[in-house]
Protein backbone atom coordinates (compact mmCIF):
# COMPACT_ATOMS: atom_id res chain seq x y z
CA MET A 1 -176.71 -78.95 -13.96
CA ALA A 2 -177.11 -82.52 -12.53
CA PRO A 3 -177.52 -82.64 -8.63
CA ILE A 4 -174.23 -83.42 -6.71
CA ASN A 5 -173.94 -86.47 -4.85
CA ALA A 6 -172.73 -85.58 -1.09
CA PRO A 7 -172.30 -87.77 1.97
CA ALA A 8 -174.39 -85.64 4.40
CA PRO A 9 -177.92 -84.35 4.19
CA SER A 10 -178.70 -80.76 3.34
CA ASN A 11 -178.21 -78.55 6.39
CA PRO A 12 -180.72 -75.66 6.15
CA SER A 13 -178.77 -73.83 8.94
CA LEU A 14 -175.59 -73.80 6.90
CA VAL A 15 -174.07 -70.37 6.56
CA ILE A 16 -171.46 -69.85 3.89
CA ARG A 17 -169.54 -66.59 3.69
CA LYS A 18 -166.68 -65.25 1.58
CA ILE A 19 -164.20 -63.24 3.46
CA GLY A 20 -162.44 -61.34 0.76
CA SER A 21 -161.48 -63.20 -2.49
CA ALA A 22 -159.24 -65.80 -0.64
CA ILE A 23 -161.31 -67.24 2.38
CA THR A 24 -164.59 -68.95 2.36
CA ILE A 25 -166.09 -70.09 5.67
CA PHE A 26 -168.81 -72.69 6.38
CA SER A 27 -170.66 -72.17 9.79
CA VAL A 28 -173.20 -74.50 11.53
CA PRO A 29 -174.70 -75.25 14.81
CA PHE A 30 -172.93 -77.35 17.18
CA ALA A 31 -173.31 -78.11 20.81
CA ARG A 32 -170.72 -79.95 22.70
CA GLY A 33 -172.33 -82.81 24.44
CA ASN A 34 -175.60 -81.82 22.76
CA VAL A 35 -175.74 -79.09 25.65
CA ILE A 36 -173.00 -76.13 25.12
CA PRO A 37 -173.32 -74.41 21.77
CA PHE A 38 -170.04 -73.89 20.41
CA GLY A 39 -170.64 -73.72 16.94
CA GLY A 40 -168.75 -75.33 14.12
CA ARG A 41 -166.89 -73.94 11.08
CA SER A 42 -164.72 -75.49 7.84
CA THR A 43 -162.53 -72.90 6.45
CA ALA A 44 -161.19 -72.88 2.80
CA VAL A 45 -158.27 -70.76 1.66
CA VAL A 46 -157.36 -70.24 -1.90
CA LEU A 47 -153.72 -70.32 -2.36
CA LYS A 48 -151.61 -68.23 -4.90
CA ASN A 49 -150.25 -71.37 -6.43
CA GLY A 50 -153.80 -72.18 -7.77
CA SER A 51 -154.93 -74.82 -5.09
CA THR A 52 -157.47 -74.73 -2.21
CA TRP A 53 -156.14 -75.27 1.47
CA LEU A 54 -158.97 -76.60 3.61
CA ILE A 55 -159.99 -77.41 7.16
CA PRO A 56 -162.97 -79.72 7.05
CA SER A 57 -164.83 -79.32 10.31
CA HIS A 58 -168.63 -80.14 9.58
CA PRO A 59 -170.65 -82.58 7.47
CA LEU A 60 -170.06 -82.40 3.57
CA ASP A 61 -173.41 -81.73 2.45
CA ALA A 62 -174.11 -80.91 -1.37
CA GLU A 63 -174.13 -76.98 -0.96
CA THR A 64 -170.81 -77.11 0.61
CA LEU A 65 -169.46 -79.63 -1.87
CA THR A 66 -170.92 -77.56 -4.74
CA VAL A 67 -169.04 -74.16 -3.17
CA LEU A 68 -165.85 -76.22 -2.75
CA LYS A 69 -165.98 -77.48 -6.39
CA GLU A 70 -166.22 -73.96 -7.83
CA LEU A 71 -162.99 -73.34 -5.90
CA PRO A 72 -159.41 -74.10 -7.36
CA PRO A 73 -158.64 -78.08 -6.82
CA VAL A 74 -158.52 -78.89 -3.07
CA LYS A 75 -154.92 -80.26 -2.30
CA PHE A 76 -154.59 -79.51 1.34
CA LEU A 77 -156.94 -81.41 3.86
CA VAL A 78 -155.79 -80.07 7.31
CA ALA A 79 -156.76 -81.52 10.75
CA PRO A 80 -156.47 -78.94 13.08
CA ASP A 81 -156.63 -81.02 16.21
CA LEU A 82 -157.70 -84.39 17.47
CA GLU A 83 -161.30 -83.31 17.76
CA HIS A 84 -161.95 -81.80 14.28
CA THR A 85 -161.71 -85.01 12.26
CA LEU A 86 -165.06 -86.46 12.43
CA TYR A 87 -165.80 -85.61 8.65
CA LEU A 88 -162.16 -85.44 7.34
CA LYS A 89 -162.73 -89.01 5.53
CA GLN A 90 -165.70 -87.53 3.91
CA TYR A 91 -163.69 -84.76 2.28
CA ALA A 92 -161.03 -87.37 1.54
CA ALA A 93 -163.32 -89.30 -0.47
CA ALA A 94 -164.65 -86.34 -2.38
CA PHE A 95 -161.16 -84.80 -3.07
CA PRO A 96 -159.02 -87.63 -3.95
CA GLU A 97 -155.98 -85.41 -5.12
CA ALA A 98 -155.69 -83.84 -1.49
CA LYS A 99 -153.05 -84.51 0.60
CA LEU A 100 -153.62 -85.26 4.45
CA TYR A 101 -152.06 -83.18 7.42
CA LEU A 102 -152.90 -84.89 10.56
CA PRO A 103 -151.86 -84.79 14.17
CA SER A 104 -149.68 -87.71 15.25
CA THR A 105 -152.22 -89.30 17.36
CA VAL A 106 -154.79 -89.17 14.34
CA ALA A 107 -152.35 -90.57 11.96
CA LYS A 108 -151.86 -93.48 14.56
CA LYS A 109 -155.46 -94.00 14.97
CA TYR A 110 -155.82 -94.18 11.02
CA ALA A 111 -152.92 -96.76 10.97
CA ASP A 112 -154.49 -98.99 13.72
CA GLU A 113 -157.73 -98.85 11.65
CA GLY A 114 -155.91 -99.52 8.35
CA ALA A 115 -157.35 -96.47 6.87
CA THR A 116 -156.72 -96.27 3.28
CA GLU A 117 -156.77 -92.58 3.67
CA LEU A 118 -153.20 -92.83 5.21
CA GLN A 119 -151.51 -93.58 1.89
CA ARG A 120 -152.20 -89.83 1.25
CA LEU A 121 -150.58 -88.65 4.46
CA ALA A 122 -148.13 -85.74 3.69
CA PHE A 123 -147.32 -84.62 7.02
CA THR A 124 -147.81 -85.67 10.84
CA PHE A 125 -147.71 -82.86 13.24
CA GLY A 126 -146.51 -83.37 16.74
CA ASP A 127 -143.33 -85.27 15.59
CA GLY A 128 -140.94 -82.31 15.66
CA GLY A 129 -140.90 -81.91 11.82
CA GLY A 130 -141.38 -78.16 11.55
CA ASP A 131 -143.64 -76.50 9.43
CA PRO A 132 -144.97 -78.26 6.22
CA PHE A 133 -146.36 -75.28 4.79
CA VAL A 134 -143.21 -73.25 4.39
CA GLU A 135 -142.49 -75.36 1.28
CA SER A 136 -145.82 -76.60 0.08
CA THR A 137 -147.38 -73.12 0.00
CA GLY A 138 -144.37 -71.01 -0.50
CA GLY A 139 -144.88 -69.67 3.10
CA GLU A 140 -148.32 -68.43 2.20
CA ILE A 141 -149.34 -70.45 5.37
CA LYS A 142 -147.49 -70.91 8.24
CA SER A 143 -148.22 -73.25 11.30
CA ALA A 144 -147.42 -73.40 14.83
CA ASP A 145 -147.91 -76.98 16.58
CA PHE A 146 -148.75 -76.89 20.23
CA GLY A 147 -148.72 -80.82 20.09
CA LYS A 148 -149.01 -82.65 23.26
CA ALA A 149 -148.55 -79.17 25.15
CA PHE A 150 -152.24 -78.91 24.56
CA VAL A 151 -155.20 -81.30 25.61
CA ASN A 152 -156.37 -81.64 21.73
CA GLU A 153 -152.96 -81.30 20.28
CA ASP A 154 -153.91 -78.07 18.31
CA ILE A 155 -152.34 -76.61 15.64
CA ALA A 156 -152.67 -72.60 14.88
CA PHE A 157 -152.42 -71.55 11.05
CA LEU A 158 -151.65 -68.11 9.43
CA HIS A 159 -152.74 -66.97 6.23
CA VAL A 160 -150.08 -64.33 5.58
CA PRO A 161 -151.48 -62.43 2.68
CA THR A 162 -154.81 -61.75 4.69
CA LYS A 163 -153.24 -61.54 7.98
CA THR A 164 -155.62 -64.05 9.14
CA LEU A 165 -155.10 -66.56 12.20
CA ILE A 166 -157.34 -69.97 11.76
CA GLU A 167 -157.61 -72.12 14.76
CA ALA A 168 -159.91 -74.64 16.29
CA ASP A 169 -159.73 -74.94 20.23
CA LEU A 170 -156.82 -72.63 20.98
CA LEU A 171 -159.30 -69.78 21.29
CA PHE A 172 -162.94 -69.26 21.72
CA ASN A 173 -165.09 -66.38 20.70
CA LEU A 174 -168.71 -67.23 22.03
CA PRO A 175 -171.59 -66.85 21.60
CA PRO A 176 -171.45 -68.49 18.08
CA THR A 177 -173.85 -66.02 16.64
CA GLU A 178 -173.19 -66.37 13.08
CA GLN A 179 -173.11 -70.28 13.42
CA TYR A 180 -176.59 -70.11 14.65
CA SER A 181 -178.05 -67.19 12.84
CA LYS A 182 -180.20 -69.68 10.59
CA SER A 183 -181.18 -71.93 13.51
CA THR A 184 -184.21 -71.83 16.26
CA LEU A 185 -181.75 -73.43 18.65
CA ARG A 186 -180.33 -71.32 21.51
CA SER A 187 -176.60 -70.04 20.95
CA SER A 188 -175.67 -69.53 24.58
CA VAL A 189 -175.92 -71.00 28.05
CA PRO A 190 -175.37 -68.85 31.41
CA ILE A 191 -171.73 -68.49 32.50
CA PHE A 192 -169.86 -70.68 30.18
CA THR A 193 -170.91 -68.36 27.17
CA SER A 194 -170.18 -65.19 28.68
CA GLY A 195 -166.84 -66.56 29.93
CA MET A 196 -165.31 -67.90 26.77
CA ILE A 197 -164.50 -64.70 25.13
CA PRO A 198 -161.26 -63.36 24.16
CA GLY A 199 -159.19 -61.85 27.33
CA ALA A 200 -162.01 -63.14 29.90
CA LYS A 201 -160.72 -64.64 33.17
CA PHE A 202 -162.56 -67.80 32.59
CA HIS A 203 -160.98 -68.29 29.48
CA GLN A 204 -157.53 -67.81 30.55
CA ARG A 205 -158.10 -70.24 33.46
CA PHE A 206 -159.65 -72.90 31.02
CA LEU A 207 -156.33 -72.53 29.15
CA TRP A 208 -154.15 -72.28 31.98
CA TYR A 209 -155.81 -75.15 34.29
CA LEU A 210 -157.63 -77.55 31.83
CA ALA A 211 -156.33 -77.17 28.34
CA GLY A 212 -152.65 -76.64 28.96
CA LYS A 213 -150.85 -79.84 29.60
CA ASP A 214 -147.48 -78.59 29.19
CA ARG A 215 -147.05 -74.73 30.38
CA VAL A 216 -143.54 -74.57 28.85
CA GLY A 217 -144.52 -75.74 25.52
CA MET A 218 -147.90 -73.81 25.67
CA THR A 219 -145.85 -70.82 26.29
CA ALA A 220 -143.37 -71.56 23.54
CA SER A 221 -146.21 -72.06 20.91
CA ALA A 222 -148.16 -69.11 21.96
CA LYS A 223 -145.31 -66.72 21.50
CA VAL A 224 -144.85 -68.03 18.09
CA VAL A 225 -148.53 -67.17 17.23
CA ALA A 226 -147.85 -63.81 19.05
CA SER A 227 -144.93 -62.93 17.03
CA TRP A 228 -147.13 -63.33 13.65
CA ASP A 229 -148.46 -60.45 12.02
CA PHE A 230 -152.43 -60.73 12.12
CA ASP A 231 -155.40 -58.88 12.59
CA ARG A 232 -158.47 -61.26 11.83
CA ILE A 233 -159.13 -64.74 14.01
CA ILE A 234 -161.04 -67.07 12.32
CA PRO A 235 -162.07 -69.74 15.36
CA CYS A 236 -163.94 -72.99 14.78
CA HIS A 237 -166.00 -72.09 17.71
CA GLY A 238 -167.62 -68.56 18.00
CA ASP A 239 -167.93 -65.30 15.54
CA VAL A 240 -165.00 -64.46 13.40
CA ILE A 241 -162.75 -61.72 14.89
CA GLU A 242 -162.63 -59.30 12.04
CA THR A 243 -160.07 -56.79 13.54
CA GLY A 244 -158.09 -56.91 16.61
CA GLY A 245 -157.14 -60.44 16.62
CA LYS A 246 -153.61 -59.70 17.64
CA SER A 247 -154.82 -57.98 20.87
CA ALA A 248 -157.58 -60.82 21.39
CA TRP A 249 -154.88 -63.50 21.07
CA ASN A 250 -152.45 -61.75 23.42
CA SER A 251 -155.07 -60.80 26.09
CA THR A 252 -156.33 -64.29 25.92
CA TYR A 253 -152.66 -65.96 26.42
CA ASP A 254 -151.35 -63.19 28.82
CA TRP A 255 -150.72 -65.86 31.46
CA PHE A 256 -148.37 -67.54 29.17
CA LEU A 257 -146.92 -64.62 27.56
CA ASN A 258 -146.22 -62.58 30.30
CA GLY A 259 -146.77 -64.74 33.41
CA SER A 260 -149.19 -62.28 34.93
CA ASN A 261 -151.65 -64.82 36.42
C-alpha cells in the first residue's frame, strides 16, 4: 500500500483504541500551557446510517488518517467547543464530504478569516437552533448546547446506542493515564491533577466559579445531560469512565443540579 500523506508528523505517543464496534478513540499527550498535563483525545463514532461522526481534537497524522479511512465515510466534523478547533481544518481537507458543526464564535472567526471551510457549515451551535443531530443521525446522536453559559461554549453529546456521553471541557477525569501511556512525560502535577476528578470539590468549584458564566444556563444544560441514559463518559481530557458515568456527571454538577453548594 502506498504511504498516506498526512499534514502532521507521526506521533509515537498516539494510542488508538476501539470501544466496542462503533467507537474509536485517539489519545495523545497534551499539556495546557505546556505545564499542566490534560491529555488530548479525538473520538470517532460509526453511525447506523453508514457514516462516521468525528470530534477531531489532535493533529492528523498518518496512523490516524489510515484508521479513519478504514471506517465508513466521515460525514460529520464536530467542534465540541471553542478550544478544540486547532486541527479541524486538517480534517476538513482530508474529508471533503464532511459537513461542519461549529460553535457560533468559531463560525464567526472562520467568516472573518474568509475560510473556505465555512462553505460546508451545516449547523451553528449557540444560536438557539435546537439539536441538529435528531434529523441528521436519526436521533442516534443527541446534543446539549451549553453555549455562552460555559466559558468555552461547550456542547455535550450522547451516543444513544452505546449509552456514551462524549464531551470536551465539561468534565475532566485526571490524570490522563491512557493519553500518556506511551510517553515519558509526566502525567500529573500536584493539587490540580488530584482535584480534577469527578465529584471533587476542586472540580465543582472550577465549574461554579470559573467555567460557568451563566449559572441559570449552566443548570438548564446540566439537567438535560443528567436526564440522558448513559453509563460511559469519553472526555477529551483524562481517562475514559467506562462505567458509572451518570453518577460521575451528577456528582460533579451537584451544585447546579441540586443547589447543594
